[in-house]
Amino acid sequence: MKSPSLLLLLVAACLSACASQKVTEVPSAAPVVADTVLDPTNQENVRNSSVVQTLSVGPTQDPTNPNIREDAHNIERVVEPESWNLHPNVPTAINMGPIVAINDPNRQAEPMTPELVQKIQQENQLLKVTAEQNDAMAAKIAELQALLKTKQMTDQENADLTARVAQLEKAQKELEARLEQAKATSGVPASKS
């Protein structure tokens, strides 16, 4: 009879040992609220991560105690700390109840009134007319420049011809003077020409 009571006592001791252990509950993560969780791929659009520089330090000896020596190791230094991205370019989803609208500041168009649309159309028409007039003026200017260049060339040719005529007249007068001189020395009466 001792063996069943011993067995019962052993079972009771094991059960009491199991019951005395406290079961600790692992705290669950904070409740997730819609549109508040940011996946790691989009985190750069909200927060700029820090820039860390790794420096390598060789073996050194403690200057105060020559018996202490440090092995080579790496040191990390924060060059630029974390900061908020104050100029995000990605569209953000705004929870507007059952409908989610995309708010993209780069694509957001201002509402246009009919008066503004009419004014823009008038300005476009004026720009078109001005461009046509500019083209016509440019063509007329090119034509006038060609005429001016032709006139300058003609004036230069006329000046060259006038100079040549004057040179030929001078040569003719010299020849006539020589002829007169030759006739006078030879005794032949001069003829009227």
N, C-alpha and C. Protein backbone atom coordinates (compact mmCIF):
# COMPACT_ATOMS: atom_id res chain seq x y z
N MET A 1 0.81 -1.17 0.00
CA MET A 1 0.00 0.00 0.00
C MET A 1 0.87 1.26 0.00
N LYS A 2 2.05 1.07 0.43
CA LYS A 2 2.92 2.21 0.48
C LYS A 2 3.24 2.68 -0.93
N SER A 3 3.35 1.82 -1.85
CA SER A 3 3.74 2.23 -3.19
C SER A 3 2.69 3.09 -3.88
N PRO A 4 1.38 2.81 -3.76
CA PRO A 4 0.44 3.73 -4.40
C PRO A 4 0.42 5.09 -3.71
N SER A 5 0.58 5.13 -2.40
CA SER A 5 0.56 6.44 -1.72
C SER A 5 1.81 7.23 -2.07
N LEU A 6 2.92 6.51 -2.21
CA LEU A 6 4.16 7.17 -2.61
C LEU A 6 4.02 7.71 -4.03
N LEU A 7 3.41 6.95 -4.86
CA LEU A 7 3.18 7.37 -6.23
C LEU A 7 2.24 8.57 -6.29
N LEU A 8 1.22 8.55 -5.46
CA LEU A 8 0.28 9.68 -5.41
C LEU A 8 0.99 10.93 -4.88
N LEU A 9 1.83 10.72 -3.90
CA LEU A 9 2.57 11.85 -3.33
C LEU A 9 3.51 12.45 -4.38
N LEU A 10 4.15 11.61 -5.14
CA LEU A 10 5.05 12.07 -6.19
C LEU A 10 4.29 12.83 -7.29
N VAL A 11 3.14 12.37 -7.67
CA VAL A 11 2.31 13.02 -8.69
C VAL A 11 1.83 14.36 -8.17
N ALA A 12 1.42 14.41 -6.89
CA ALA A 12 0.95 15.66 -6.29
C ALA A 12 2.08 16.68 -6.23
N ALA A 13 3.30 16.23 -5.93
CA ALA A 13 4.44 17.14 -5.86
C ALA A 13 4.76 17.70 -7.25
N CYS A 14 4.68 16.87 -8.27
CA CYS A 14 4.95 17.34 -9.64
C CYS A 14 3.90 18.34 -10.08
N LEU A 15 2.64 18.03 -9.73
CA LEU A 15 1.59 18.96 -10.15
C LEU A 15 1.70 20.29 -9.42
N SER A 16 2.08 20.23 -8.15
CA SER A 16 2.21 21.48 -7.41
C SER A 16 3.39 22.29 -7.92
N ALA A 17 4.44 21.62 -8.38
CA ALA A 17 5.60 22.32 -8.93
C ALA A 17 5.22 23.01 -10.23
N CYS A 18 4.41 22.33 -11.03
CA CYS A 18 3.98 22.93 -12.29
C CYS A 18 3.05 24.10 -12.03
N ALA A 19 2.22 24.00 -11.02
CA ALA A 19 1.26 25.05 -10.72
C ALA A 19 1.94 26.26 -10.11
N SER A 20 3.09 26.07 -9.44
CA SER A 20 3.75 27.19 -8.80
C SER A 20 4.50 28.08 -9.80
N GLN A 21 4.82 27.54 -10.98
CA GLN A 21 5.50 28.36 -11.98
C GLN A 21 4.53 29.39 -12.53
N LYS A 22 5.03 30.61 -12.58
CA LYS A 22 4.20 31.67 -13.14
C LYS A 22 4.33 31.65 -14.65
N VAL A 23 3.24 31.77 -15.29
CA VAL A 23 3.22 31.87 -16.74
C VAL A 23 3.25 33.36 -17.07
N THR A 24 4.32 33.78 -17.76
CA THR A 24 4.41 35.20 -18.12
C THR A 24 3.86 35.39 -19.52
N GLU A 25 3.02 36.38 -19.63
CA GLU A 25 2.45 36.68 -20.94
C GLU A 25 3.38 37.63 -21.68
N VAL A 26 3.58 37.32 -22.90
CA VAL A 26 4.38 38.21 -23.73
C VAL A 26 3.47 39.35 -24.17
N PRO A 27 3.90 40.59 -23.90
CA PRO A 27 3.03 41.68 -24.28
C PRO A 27 2.90 41.76 -25.81
N SER A 28 1.70 41.95 -26.24
CA SER A 28 1.48 42.01 -27.69
C SER A 28 1.90 43.39 -28.19
N ALA A 29 2.14 43.49 -29.47
CA ALA A 29 2.53 44.76 -30.08
C ALA A 29 1.38 45.75 -29.96
N ALA A 30 1.72 47.01 -30.10
CA ALA A 30 0.69 48.04 -30.01
C ALA A 30 -0.35 47.82 -31.09
N PRO A 31 -1.58 48.16 -30.80
CA PRO A 31 -2.61 47.95 -31.82
C PRO A 31 -2.31 48.80 -33.06
N VAL A 32 -2.56 48.20 -34.21
CA VAL A 32 -2.27 48.88 -35.47
C VAL A 32 -3.49 49.68 -35.88
N VAL A 33 -3.27 50.97 -36.08
CA VAL A 33 -4.34 51.85 -36.55
C VAL A 33 -4.16 52.01 -38.05
N ALA A 34 -5.24 52.01 -38.78
CA ALA A 34 -5.16 52.10 -40.23
C ALA A 34 -4.43 53.37 -40.65
N ASP A 35 -3.61 53.26 -41.68
CA ASP A 35 -2.85 54.36 -42.29
C ASP A 35 -1.82 54.97 -41.36
N THR A 36 -1.35 54.23 -40.35
CA THR A 36 -0.30 54.77 -39.48
C THR A 36 0.97 53.94 -39.55
N VAL A 37 0.94 52.80 -40.21
CA VAL A 37 2.12 51.94 -40.29
C VAL A 37 2.82 52.23 -41.62
N LEU A 38 4.13 52.42 -41.56
CA LEU A 38 4.92 52.73 -42.74
C LEU A 38 5.84 51.56 -43.03
N ASP A 39 5.75 51.03 -44.23
CA ASP A 39 6.64 49.92 -44.56
C ASP A 39 8.07 50.45 -44.77
N PRO A 40 9.08 49.61 -44.55
CA PRO A 40 10.47 50.06 -44.61
C PRO A 40 10.88 50.62 -45.97
N THR A 41 10.24 50.17 -47.04
CA THR A 41 10.64 50.67 -48.36
C THR A 41 10.26 52.14 -48.54
N ASN A 42 9.21 52.60 -47.87
CA ASN A 42 8.78 54.00 -48.00
C ASN A 42 9.28 54.87 -46.86
N GLN A 43 10.10 54.34 -45.99
CA GLN A 43 10.53 55.09 -44.83
C GLN A 43 11.38 56.31 -45.21
N GLU A 44 12.17 56.19 -46.29
CA GLU A 44 13.00 57.32 -46.72
C GLU A 44 12.16 58.50 -47.16
N ASN A 45 10.89 58.27 -47.51
CA ASN A 45 10.04 59.37 -47.92
C ASN A 45 9.58 60.20 -46.73
N VAL A 46 9.73 59.66 -45.53
CA VAL A 46 9.27 60.35 -44.33
C VAL A 46 10.45 60.79 -43.47
N ARG A 47 11.44 59.93 -43.33
CA ARG A 47 12.55 60.21 -42.44
C ARG A 47 13.85 59.87 -43.13
N ASN A 48 14.81 60.78 -43.07
CA ASN A 48 16.14 60.53 -43.63
C ASN A 48 16.97 59.81 -42.59
N SER A 49 17.54 58.69 -42.97
CA SER A 49 18.34 57.93 -42.01
C SER A 49 19.69 58.62 -41.80
N SER A 50 20.35 58.25 -40.72
CA SER A 50 21.62 58.89 -40.39
C SER A 50 22.74 58.34 -41.26
N VAL A 51 23.77 59.15 -41.44
CA VAL A 51 24.94 58.75 -42.20
C VAL A 51 26.03 58.41 -41.20
N VAL A 52 26.49 57.15 -41.24
CA VAL A 52 27.48 56.68 -40.29
C VAL A 52 28.77 56.38 -41.04
N GLN A 53 29.88 56.91 -40.52
CA GLN A 53 31.19 56.68 -41.13
C GLN A 53 31.96 55.71 -40.26
N THR A 54 32.54 54.69 -40.88
CA THR A 54 33.33 53.70 -40.15
C THR A 54 34.80 54.02 -40.33
N LEU A 55 35.49 54.21 -39.22
CA LEU A 55 36.92 54.51 -39.23
C LEU A 55 37.68 53.32 -38.68
N SER A 56 38.79 53.00 -39.28
CA SER A 56 39.60 51.88 -38.82
C SER A 56 40.78 52.43 -38.02
N VAL A 57 40.94 51.93 -36.80
CA VAL A 57 42.02 52.37 -35.91
C VAL A 57 42.99 51.21 -35.73
N GLY A 58 44.26 51.49 -35.91
CA GLY A 58 45.27 50.45 -35.77
C GLY A 58 45.56 50.14 -34.31
N PRO A 59 46.45 49.20 -34.03
CA PRO A 59 46.79 48.89 -32.64
C PRO A 59 47.46 50.09 -31.98
N THR A 60 47.05 50.39 -30.73
CA THR A 60 47.60 51.54 -30.02
C THR A 60 48.05 51.13 -28.62
N GLN A 61 48.92 51.94 -28.05
CA GLN A 61 49.39 51.71 -26.68
C GLN A 61 48.90 52.87 -25.83
N ASP A 62 48.44 52.56 -24.62
CA ASP A 62 47.93 53.57 -23.71
C ASP A 62 49.09 54.47 -23.31
N PRO A 63 48.95 55.81 -23.53
CA PRO A 63 50.08 56.69 -23.21
C PRO A 63 50.33 56.81 -21.71
N THR A 64 49.31 56.55 -20.89
CA THR A 64 49.51 56.67 -19.44
C THR A 64 50.08 55.41 -18.84
N ASN A 65 49.86 54.25 -19.49
CA ASN A 65 50.34 52.99 -18.95
C ASN A 65 50.93 52.17 -20.10
N PRO A 66 52.24 52.01 -20.16
CA PRO A 66 52.86 51.28 -21.27
C PRO A 66 52.54 49.78 -21.26
N ASN A 67 51.91 49.26 -20.20
CA ASN A 67 51.57 47.83 -20.12
C ASN A 67 50.22 47.52 -20.77
N ILE A 68 49.48 48.57 -21.19
CA ILE A 68 48.16 48.35 -21.81
C ILE A 68 48.27 48.64 -23.30
N ARG A 69 47.79 47.68 -24.09
CA ARG A 69 47.81 47.80 -25.55
C ARG A 69 46.43 47.41 -26.08
N GLU A 70 45.92 48.22 -27.04
CA GLU A 70 44.63 47.92 -27.67
C GLU A 70 44.90 47.35 -29.06
N ASP A 71 44.11 46.34 -29.41
CA ASP A 71 44.22 45.78 -30.75
C ASP A 71 43.53 46.71 -31.75
N ALA A 72 43.76 46.46 -33.04
CA ALA A 72 43.11 47.24 -34.09
C ALA A 72 41.60 46.99 -34.04
N HIS A 73 40.84 48.04 -34.24
CA HIS A 73 39.39 47.91 -34.23
C HIS A 73 38.77 49.03 -35.06
N ASN A 74 37.47 48.94 -35.28
CA ASN A 74 36.74 49.94 -36.05
C ASN A 74 35.95 50.83 -35.11
N ILE A 75 35.84 52.11 -35.48
CA ILE A 75 35.03 53.07 -34.73
C ILE A 75 34.00 53.62 -35.69
N GLU A 76 32.75 53.69 -35.24
CA GLU A 76 31.70 54.27 -36.07
C GLU A 76 31.37 55.66 -35.56
N ARG A 77 31.29 56.61 -36.50
CA ARG A 77 31.02 58.00 -36.15
C ARG A 77 29.81 58.47 -36.95
N VAL A 78 28.85 59.13 -36.28
CA VAL A 78 27.67 59.65 -36.96
C VAL A 78 28.06 60.98 -37.60
N VAL A 79 28.04 60.99 -38.94
CA VAL A 79 28.40 62.20 -39.68
C VAL A 79 27.18 63.12 -39.80
N GLU A 80 26.04 62.53 -40.11
CA GLU A 80 24.81 63.30 -40.27
C GLU A 80 23.70 62.57 -39.51
N PRO A 81 23.11 63.20 -38.52
CA PRO A 81 22.08 62.50 -37.74
C PRO A 81 20.78 62.34 -38.52
N GLU A 82 19.89 61.52 -37.97
CA GLU A 82 18.59 61.33 -38.60
C GLU A 82 17.83 62.64 -38.62
N SER A 83 16.98 62.81 -39.63
CA SER A 83 16.17 64.01 -39.71
C SER A 83 14.88 63.69 -40.45
N TRP A 84 13.90 64.55 -40.24
CA TRP A 84 12.63 64.37 -40.94
C TRP A 84 12.78 64.86 -42.37
N ASN A 85 12.15 64.17 -43.30
CA ASN A 85 12.13 64.60 -44.70
C ASN A 85 11.03 65.65 -44.82
N LEU A 86 11.44 66.91 -44.92
CA LEU A 86 10.47 68.00 -44.95
C LEU A 86 9.97 68.31 -46.36
N HIS A 87 10.52 67.66 -47.36
CA HIS A 87 10.09 67.88 -48.73
C HIS A 87 9.78 66.54 -49.41
N PRO A 88 8.76 65.82 -48.96
CA PRO A 88 8.47 64.53 -49.60
C PRO A 88 7.87 64.75 -50.98
N ASN A 89 8.22 63.87 -51.91
CA ASN A 89 7.71 63.98 -53.27
C ASN A 89 6.73 62.88 -53.62
N VAL A 90 6.50 61.99 -52.71
CA VAL A 90 5.61 60.88 -53.02
C VAL A 90 4.19 61.25 -52.64
N PRO A 91 3.21 60.76 -53.38
CA PRO A 91 1.83 61.01 -52.99
C PRO A 91 1.51 60.28 -51.69
N THR A 92 0.74 60.88 -50.86
CA THR A 92 0.37 60.27 -49.59
C THR A 92 -1.11 59.95 -49.60
N ALA A 93 -1.45 58.83 -48.98
CA ALA A 93 -2.86 58.44 -48.91
C ALA A 93 -3.47 59.10 -47.68
N ILE A 94 -4.55 59.80 -47.89
CA ILE A 94 -5.25 60.47 -46.80
C ILE A 94 -6.53 59.71 -46.55
N ASN A 95 -6.70 59.28 -45.32
CA ASN A 95 -7.91 58.54 -44.98
C ASN A 95 -9.07 59.51 -44.89
N MET A 96 -10.00 59.36 -45.82
CA MET A 96 -11.15 60.24 -45.85
C MET A 96 -12.42 59.44 -45.61
N GLY A 97 -12.34 58.55 -44.68
CA GLY A 97 -13.49 57.71 -44.40
C GLY A 97 -13.47 56.50 -45.30
N PRO A 98 -14.58 56.15 -45.88
CA PRO A 98 -14.61 54.96 -46.73
C PRO A 98 -13.87 55.14 -48.05
N ILE A 99 -13.57 56.38 -48.45
CA ILE A 99 -12.89 56.63 -49.71
C ILE A 99 -11.50 57.14 -49.40
N VAL A 100 -10.49 56.60 -50.08
CA VAL A 100 -9.12 57.06 -49.88
C VAL A 100 -8.74 57.85 -51.13
N ALA A 101 -8.36 59.11 -50.93
CA ALA A 101 -7.95 59.97 -52.04
C ALA A 101 -6.44 60.08 -52.03
N ILE A 102 -5.85 60.20 -53.21
CA ILE A 102 -4.41 60.37 -53.33
C ILE A 102 -4.12 61.87 -53.37
N ASN A 103 -3.28 62.31 -52.45
CA ASN A 103 -2.90 63.71 -52.39
C ASN A 103 -1.47 63.83 -52.91
N ASP A 104 -1.34 64.24 -54.16
CA ASP A 104 -0.03 64.42 -54.76
C ASP A 104 0.17 65.90 -55.02
N PRO A 105 1.00 66.58 -54.21
CA PRO A 105 1.15 68.02 -54.40
C PRO A 105 1.76 68.39 -55.74
N ASN A 106 2.48 67.48 -56.39
CA ASN A 106 3.09 67.78 -57.68
C ASN A 106 2.07 67.76 -58.81
N ARG A 107 0.95 67.09 -58.62
CA ARG A 107 -0.04 66.97 -59.69
C ARG A 107 -1.34 67.69 -59.37
N GLN A 108 -1.39 68.36 -58.28
CA GLN A 108 -2.64 68.98 -57.87
C GLN A 108 -2.90 70.21 -58.74
N ALA A 109 -4.03 70.24 -59.39
CA ALA A 109 -4.39 71.35 -60.27
C ALA A 109 -5.32 72.31 -59.54
N GLU A 110 -5.10 73.57 -59.78
CA GLU A 110 -5.97 74.58 -59.18
C GLU A 110 -7.27 74.62 -59.97
N PRO A 111 -8.38 74.89 -59.31
CA PRO A 111 -9.64 74.99 -60.04
C PRO A 111 -9.60 76.22 -60.95
N MET A 112 -10.07 76.06 -62.18
CA MET A 112 -10.04 77.15 -63.13
C MET A 112 -11.46 77.63 -63.41
N THR A 113 -11.65 78.93 -63.32
CA THR A 113 -12.95 79.52 -63.59
C THR A 113 -13.11 79.70 -65.08
N PRO A 114 -14.33 79.82 -65.58
CA PRO A 114 -14.53 80.04 -67.03
C PRO A 114 -13.88 81.33 -67.51
N GLU A 115 -13.86 82.36 -66.66
CA GLU A 115 -13.21 83.62 -67.05
C GLU A 115 -11.72 83.41 -67.26
N LEU A 116 -11.11 82.62 -66.37
CA LEU A 116 -9.68 82.34 -66.49
C LEU A 116 -9.38 81.53 -67.75
N VAL A 117 -10.24 80.55 -68.05
CA VAL A 117 -10.05 79.75 -69.26
C VAL A 117 -10.16 80.63 -70.49
N GLN A 118 -11.14 81.55 -70.50
CA GLN A 118 -11.31 82.45 -71.64
C GLN A 118 -10.10 83.37 -71.78
N LYS A 119 -9.59 83.88 -70.68
CA LYS A 119 -8.43 84.76 -70.71
C LYS A 119 -7.20 84.02 -71.24
N ILE A 120 -7.02 82.77 -70.83
CA ILE A 120 -5.90 81.95 -71.31
C ILE A 120 -6.01 81.73 -72.81
N GLN A 121 -7.24 81.47 -73.29
CA GLN A 121 -7.43 81.27 -74.73
C GLN A 121 -7.11 82.55 -75.51
N GLN A 122 -7.52 83.71 -74.97
CA GLN A 122 -7.21 84.98 -75.62
C GLN A 122 -5.70 85.20 -75.68
N GLU A 123 -5.02 84.91 -74.56
CA GLU A 123 -3.57 85.08 -74.53
C GLU A 123 -2.89 84.15 -75.52
N ASN A 124 -3.37 82.92 -75.63
CA ASN A 124 -2.79 81.97 -76.59
C ASN A 124 -2.98 82.46 -78.02
N GLN A 125 -4.18 83.03 -78.31
CA GLN A 125 -4.44 83.56 -79.64
C GLN A 125 -3.50 84.74 -79.94
N LEU A 126 -3.34 85.62 -78.96
CA LEU A 126 -2.42 86.75 -79.14
C LEU A 126 -0.99 86.28 -79.37
N LEU A 127 -0.58 85.27 -78.62
CA LEU A 127 0.77 84.72 -78.81
C LEU A 127 0.94 84.14 -80.21
N LYS A 128 -0.11 83.49 -80.72
CA LYS A 128 -0.04 82.90 -82.05
C LYS A 128 0.08 83.99 -83.11
N VAL A 129 -0.73 85.06 -82.98
CA VAL A 129 -0.67 86.17 -83.93
C VAL A 129 0.70 86.85 -83.87
N THR A 130 1.20 87.05 -82.65
CA THR A 130 2.52 87.68 -82.49
C THR A 130 3.62 86.82 -83.11
N ALA A 131 3.52 85.52 -82.94
CA ALA A 131 4.53 84.63 -83.54
C ALA A 131 4.48 84.71 -85.06
N GLU A 132 3.28 84.78 -85.65
CA GLU A 132 3.15 84.89 -87.10
C GLU A 132 3.74 86.22 -87.58
N GLN A 133 3.45 87.30 -86.85
CA GLN A 133 3.99 88.61 -87.22
C GLN A 133 5.52 88.61 -87.11
N ASN A 134 6.03 87.97 -86.08
CA ASN A 134 7.49 87.89 -85.92
C ASN A 134 8.12 87.15 -87.09
N ASP A 135 7.48 86.06 -87.52
CA ASP A 135 8.01 85.32 -88.67
C ASP A 135 8.00 86.18 -89.93
N ALA A 136 6.90 86.92 -90.16
CA ALA A 136 6.81 87.78 -91.34
C ALA A 136 7.86 88.88 -91.27
N MET A 137 8.05 89.47 -90.09
CA MET A 137 9.05 90.52 -89.92
C MET A 137 10.45 89.97 -90.16
N ALA A 138 10.72 88.76 -89.67
CA ALA A 138 12.05 88.16 -89.86
C ALA A 138 12.30 87.93 -91.34
N ALA A 139 11.28 87.49 -92.09
CA ALA A 139 11.45 87.28 -93.53
C ALA A 139 11.70 88.60 -94.23
N LYS A 140 10.95 89.66 -93.87
CA LYS A 140 11.14 90.98 -94.49
C LYS A 140 12.53 91.53 -94.18
N ILE A 141 12.99 91.35 -92.93
CA ILE A 141 14.33 91.82 -92.55
C ILE A 141 15.40 91.09 -93.36
N ALA A 142 15.23 89.78 -93.55
CA ALA A 142 16.19 89.02 -94.35
C ALA A 142 16.21 89.51 -95.79
N GLU A 143 15.03 89.83 -96.33
CA GLU A 143 14.94 90.33 -97.71
C GLU A 143 15.62 91.70 -97.83
N LEU A 144 15.36 92.59 -96.84
CA LEU A 144 15.98 93.91 -96.87
C LEU A 144 17.50 93.83 -96.70
N GLN A 145 17.96 92.90 -95.87
CA GLN A 145 19.40 92.73 -95.70
C GLN A 145 20.05 92.25 -97.00
N ALA A 146 19.34 91.38 -97.74
CA ALA A 146 19.87 90.92 -99.03
C ALA A 146 19.93 92.08 -100.02
N LEU A 147 18.87 92.93 -100.04
CA LEU A 147 18.87 94.10 -100.93
C LEU A 147 19.98 95.07 -100.56
N LEU A 148 20.19 95.28 -99.26
CA LEU A 148 21.25 96.19 -98.81
C LEU A 148 22.62 95.67 -99.23
N LYS A 149 22.81 94.37 -99.10
CA LYS A 149 24.09 93.79 -99.49
C LYS A 149 24.30 93.94 -101.00
N THR A 150 23.23 93.75 -101.80
CA THR A 150 23.32 93.92 -103.25
C THR A 150 23.63 95.37 -103.60
N LYS A 151 22.97 96.31 -102.91
CA LYS A 151 23.22 97.74 -103.16
C LYS A 151 24.65 98.11 -102.81
N GLN A 152 25.15 97.58 -101.70
CA GLN A 152 26.53 97.88 -101.31
C GLN A 152 27.51 97.34 -102.35
N MET A 153 27.22 96.14 -102.85
CA MET A 153 28.10 95.57 -103.89
C MET A 153 28.04 96.42 -105.17
N THR A 154 26.82 96.88 -105.54
CA THR A 154 26.66 97.71 -106.74
C THR A 154 27.38 99.05 -106.56
N ASP A 155 27.24 99.66 -105.36
CA ASP A 155 27.93 100.92 -105.09
C ASP A 155 29.45 100.73 -105.19
N GLN A 156 29.94 99.64 -104.70
CA GLN A 156 31.38 99.37 -104.76
C GLN A 156 31.83 99.20 -106.21
N GLU A 157 31.03 98.47 -106.99
CA GLU A 157 31.35 98.29 -108.42
C GLU A 157 31.32 99.63 -109.14
N ASN A 158 30.32 100.49 -108.84
CA ASN A 158 30.23 101.81 -109.47
C ASN A 158 31.44 102.66 -109.10
N ALA A 159 31.85 102.61 -107.84
CA ALA A 159 33.02 103.38 -107.41
C ALA A 159 34.26 102.88 -108.14
N ASP A 160 34.38 101.55 -108.27
CA ASP A 160 35.54 100.99 -108.99
C ASP A 160 35.52 101.43 -110.46
N LEU A 161 34.33 101.41 -111.11
CA LEU A 161 34.22 101.80 -112.52
C LEU A 161 34.51 103.30 -112.69
N THR A 162 34.02 104.13 -111.76
CA THR A 162 34.28 105.57 -111.84
C THR A 162 35.77 105.84 -111.73
N ALA A 163 36.42 105.13 -110.79
CA ALA A 163 37.87 105.30 -110.64
C ALA A 163 38.59 104.85 -111.90
N ARG A 164 38.13 103.78 -112.52
CA ARG A 164 38.76 103.25 -113.75
C ARG A 164 38.56 104.24 -114.91
N VAL A 165 37.33 104.83 -115.01
CA VAL A 165 37.05 105.80 -116.07
C VAL A 165 37.95 107.02 -115.89
N ALA A 166 38.08 107.47 -114.62
CA ALA A 166 38.94 108.63 -114.37
C ALA A 166 40.38 108.31 -114.74
N GLN A 167 40.81 107.11 -114.45
CA GLN A 167 42.18 106.70 -114.77
C GLN A 167 42.37 106.65 -116.29
N LEU A 168 41.36 106.13 -117.00
CA LEU A 168 41.45 106.04 -118.46
C LEU A 168 41.43 107.44 -119.09
N GLU A 169 40.61 108.35 -118.55
CA GLU A 169 40.57 109.71 -119.07
C GLU A 169 41.92 110.40 -118.86
N LYS A 170 42.51 110.16 -117.71
CA LYS A 170 43.83 110.73 -117.43
C LYS A 170 44.86 110.19 -118.41
N ALA A 171 44.79 108.87 -118.65
CA ALA A 171 45.73 108.25 -119.60
C ALA A 171 45.50 108.80 -121.01
N GLN A 172 44.21 109.04 -121.38
CA GLN A 172 43.88 109.58 -122.70
C GLN A 172 44.47 110.99 -122.85
N LYS A 173 44.32 111.81 -121.79
CA LYS A 173 44.85 113.17 -121.85
C LYS A 173 46.37 113.15 -121.96
N GLU A 174 47.01 112.23 -121.26
CA GLU A 174 48.46 112.12 -121.35
C GLU A 174 48.88 111.72 -122.76
N LEU A 175 48.13 110.77 -123.34
CA LEU A 175 48.45 110.33 -124.71
C LEU A 175 48.23 111.48 -125.71
N GLU A 176 47.16 112.24 -125.53
CA GLU A 176 46.88 113.36 -126.43
C GLU A 176 47.99 114.42 -126.30
N ALA A 177 48.42 114.63 -125.02
CA ALA A 177 49.49 115.62 -124.82
C ALA A 177 50.78 115.14 -125.48
N ARG A 178 51.08 113.87 -125.39
CA ARG A 178 52.28 113.33 -126.04
C ARG A 178 52.17 113.45 -127.56
N LEU A 179 50.97 113.16 -128.06
CA LEU A 179 50.75 113.24 -129.50
C LEU A 179 50.94 114.69 -129.98
N GLU A 180 50.40 115.62 -129.24
CA GLU A 180 50.55 117.03 -129.58
C GLU A 180 52.04 117.42 -129.55
N GLN A 181 52.70 116.92 -128.52
CA GLN A 181 54.12 117.24 -128.39
C GLN A 181 54.91 116.61 -129.54
N ALA A 182 54.55 115.37 -129.90
CA ALA A 182 55.27 114.71 -130.99
C ALA A 182 55.00 115.42 -132.30
N LYS A 183 53.83 115.91 -132.56
CA LYS A 183 53.51 116.61 -133.79
C LYS A 183 54.22 117.95 -133.82
N ALA A 184 54.31 118.60 -132.65
CA ALA A 184 54.95 119.88 -132.60
C ALA A 184 56.45 119.74 -132.88
N THR A 185 57.07 118.71 -132.42
CA THR A 185 58.48 118.51 -132.65
C THR A 185 58.74 118.04 -134.08
N SER A 186 57.84 117.36 -134.69
CA SER A 186 58.04 116.86 -136.04
C SER A 186 57.61 117.92 -137.07
N GLY A 187 56.96 118.96 -136.72
CA GLY A 187 56.58 120.02 -137.64
C GLY A 187 55.27 119.78 -138.33
N VAL A 188 54.51 118.85 -137.94
CA VAL A 188 53.21 118.57 -138.56
C VAL A 188 52.17 119.41 -137.83
N PRO A 189 51.33 120.18 -138.61
CA PRO A 189 50.33 121.00 -137.94
C PRO A 189 49.33 120.11 -137.17
N ALA A 190 48.89 120.62 -135.99
CA ALA A 190 47.95 119.86 -135.16
C ALA A 190 46.59 119.88 -135.80
N SER A 191 45.94 118.82 -135.75
CA SER A 191 44.59 118.73 -136.29
C SER A 191 43.57 118.87 -135.18
N LYS A 192 42.45 119.41 -135.56
CA LYS A 192 41.40 119.58 -134.57
C LYS A 192 40.61 118.30 -134.50
N SER A 193 40.38 117.91 -133.31
CA SER A 193 39.62 116.69 -133.18
C SER A 193 38.33 116.93 -132.47
